[in-house]
Amino acid sequence: MFKNILLATDGSRLCNESVKAAIALAKSCGSRLVGLSVAGNLRALSIPEVSVGVDLQQSDEAGRAKALASIAMITEMAREQGVDCTVQVAQGGRPYEEIMRVAEREHCDAIFMASKARSTLGRMLMGSQTQKVLARSKVPVLVFR
């Protein structure tokens, strides 16, 4: 079915729950898993007037630490289940672009990601990364809720 599955996570509780499902899918298909966490780049998104008093370097470091913890969890759980897995952290202000870039580079034939069940208005206001990947992906996107 799928040979290479990209598992995108942001370290949220829902994403952490989705890791189990993605690993189970990869195991049942005999697939390789590519774990990815995108550490946000606040400098890329900052507006000088809004970011006054915000330590962007400290925020970026905290985001990277969270991303590293997420991929460490994926590595451990995949190892326990005997699933071939590589992991990586990407840095960028637009996570959906990084997800799609890594999926293409790693020749993934599916993307697995979690999504909170938000209203249409909520998705528009919050800018759902999952929605953006769904709209632009050339490979199937499996959404965990």
Protein backbone atom coordinates (compact mmCIF):
# COMPACT_ATOMS: atom_id res chain seq x y z
CA MET A 1 0.00 0.00 0.00
CA PHE A 2 2.36 2.77 1.22
CA LYS A 3 6.15 2.41 1.21
CA ASN A 4 7.19 5.71 2.83
CA ILE A 5 4.86 7.54 5.18
CA LEU A 6 5.66 11.02 6.44
CA LEU A 7 4.42 11.53 9.99
CA ALA A 8 4.20 15.24 10.80
CA THR A 9 3.87 16.30 14.43
CA ASP A 10 3.94 19.55 16.36
CA GLY A 11 4.22 17.95 19.78
CA SER A 12 0.63 18.68 20.77
CA ARG A 13 -1.35 16.11 22.73
CA LEU A 14 -3.41 15.16 19.67
CA CYS A 15 -0.29 14.76 17.52
CA ASN A 16 1.31 12.61 20.20
CA GLU A 17 -1.77 10.36 20.13
CA SER A 18 -1.57 10.18 16.34
CA VAL A 19 1.95 8.77 16.52
CA LYS A 20 0.59 5.41 17.74
CA ALA A 21 -1.86 5.24 14.85
CA ALA A 22 0.78 6.17 12.28
CA ILE A 23 3.19 3.55 13.61
CA ALA A 24 0.44 0.91 13.56
CA LEU A 25 -0.36 1.82 9.95
CA ALA A 26 3.30 1.69 8.94
CA LYS A 27 3.70 -1.67 10.65
CA SER A 28 0.62 -3.16 8.99
CA CYS A 29 1.76 -1.97 5.55
CA GLY A 30 5.42 -2.84 6.04
CA SER A 31 6.20 0.82 5.44
CA ARG A 32 9.10 3.02 6.38
CA LEU A 33 8.17 5.99 8.56
CA VAL A 34 9.68 9.45 8.25
CA GLY A 35 9.00 11.43 11.43
CA LEU A 36 9.04 15.21 11.09
CA SER A 37 8.56 18.04 13.51
CA VAL A 38 8.74 21.61 12.29
CA ALA A 39 10.18 24.07 14.78
CA GLY A 40 8.58 27.42 14.11
CA ASN A 41 10.79 30.29 13.16
CA LEU A 42 9.38 33.29 15.00
CA ARG A 43 11.90 35.63 13.38
CA ALA A 44 10.34 34.85 10.00
CA LEU A 45 6.92 35.81 11.33
CA SER A 46 7.81 38.70 13.60
CA ILE A 47 6.58 42.24 13.22
CA PRO A 48 8.89 44.65 15.07
CA GLU A 49 6.07 46.57 16.75
CA VAL A 50 4.38 43.37 17.97
CA SER A 51 7.50 41.52 19.07
CA VAL A 52 8.76 44.19 21.44
CA GLY A 53 9.78 42.51 24.69
CA VAL A 54 9.73 39.02 23.17
CA ASP A 55 13.00 37.10 23.20
CA LEU A 56 12.83 35.56 19.73
CA GLN A 57 16.00 33.51 20.22
CA GLN A 58 14.64 31.96 23.41
CA SER A 59 11.29 31.25 21.72
CA ASP A 60 13.03 29.62 18.74
CA GLU A 61 15.15 27.49 21.09
CA ALA A 62 12.04 26.38 23.02
CA GLY A 63 10.35 25.43 19.75
CA ARG A 64 13.40 23.43 18.66
CA ALA A 65 13.51 21.63 22.04
CA LYS A 66 9.83 20.70 21.69
CA ALA A 67 10.45 19.44 18.15
CA LEU A 68 13.40 17.33 19.30
CA ALA A 69 11.29 15.81 22.09
CA SER A 70 8.58 14.95 19.54
CA ILE A 71 10.93 13.13 17.20
CA ALA A 72 12.60 11.33 20.10
CA MET A 73 9.18 9.96 21.05
CA ILE A 74 8.54 8.83 17.47
CA THR A 75 11.94 7.13 17.31
CA GLU A 76 11.37 5.24 20.55
CA MET A 77 7.83 4.12 19.75
CA ALA A 78 8.76 3.00 16.22
CA ARG A 79 11.74 1.06 17.57
CA GLU A 80 9.51 -0.69 20.11
CA GLN A 81 7.14 -1.76 17.31
CA GLY A 82 9.92 -2.78 14.92
CA VAL A 83 9.06 -0.11 12.35
CA ASP A 84 11.87 1.31 10.20
CA CYS A 85 11.96 5.00 11.01
CA THR A 86 14.05 8.07 10.36
CA VAL A 87 13.33 11.43 11.94
CA GLN A 88 14.19 15.04 11.32
CA VAL A 89 13.48 18.55 12.51
CA ALA A 90 12.84 21.31 10.00
CA GLN A 91 12.82 25.01 10.77
CA GLY A 92 10.45 27.40 9.08
CA GLY A 93 7.73 29.96 9.43
CA ARG A 94 5.30 27.94 7.31
CA PRO A 95 5.13 24.36 8.61
CA TYR A 96 2.92 23.13 5.75
CA GLU A 97 5.64 24.10 3.24
CA GLU A 98 8.29 22.22 5.22
CA ILE A 99 6.02 19.17 5.47
CA MET A 100 5.50 19.08 1.73
CA ARG A 101 9.19 19.76 1.01
CA VAL A 102 10.31 16.85 3.22
CA ALA A 103 7.63 14.53 1.81
CA GLU A 104 8.92 15.19 -1.70
CA ARG A 105 12.61 14.95 -0.77
CA GLU A 106 12.06 11.65 1.09
CA HIS A 107 9.85 10.22 -1.70
CA CYS A 108 6.92 9.73 0.67
CA ASP A 109 3.78 8.32 -0.87
CA ALA A 110 1.51 9.44 1.99
CA ILE A 111 1.44 12.11 4.68
CA PHE A 112 -0.03 11.31 8.10
CA MET A 113 -0.98 14.21 10.36
CA ALA A 114 -3.40 15.11 13.12
CA SER A 115 -6.08 17.77 12.97
CA LYS A 116 -8.32 19.26 15.58
CA ALA A 117 -11.96 19.27 14.56
CA ARG A 118 -12.51 22.99 14.10
CA SER A 119 -15.36 24.82 12.48
CA THR A 120 -14.82 26.31 9.05
CA LEU A 121 -14.44 29.74 10.62
CA GLY A 122 -11.92 28.37 13.13
CA ARG A 123 -9.83 26.86 10.33
CA MET A 124 -9.87 30.15 8.44
CA LEU A 125 -8.85 32.18 11.49
CA MET A 126 -6.26 29.75 12.85
CA GLY A 127 -4.75 28.79 9.51
CA SER A 128 -4.83 25.00 9.81
CA GLN A 129 -1.54 23.48 8.63
CA THR A 130 -3.39 20.23 7.90
CA GLN A 131 -5.88 22.07 5.70
CA LYS A 132 -3.03 23.72 3.79
CA VAL A 133 -1.31 20.36 3.22
CA LEU A 134 -4.61 18.79 2.12
CA ALA A 135 -5.15 21.56 -0.41
CA ARG A 136 -1.65 21.34 -1.91
CA SER A 137 -0.41 17.77 -1.53
CA LYS A 138 0.23 15.57 -4.54
CA VAL A 139 0.14 12.44 -2.35
CA PRO A 140 -2.65 11.13 -0.10
CA VAL A 141 -2.98 12.85 3.27
CA LEU A 142 -4.29 10.73 6.13
CA VAL A 143 -5.85 12.86 8.85
CA PHE A 144 -6.06 11.63 12.44
CA ARG A 145 -8.77 13.16 14.65
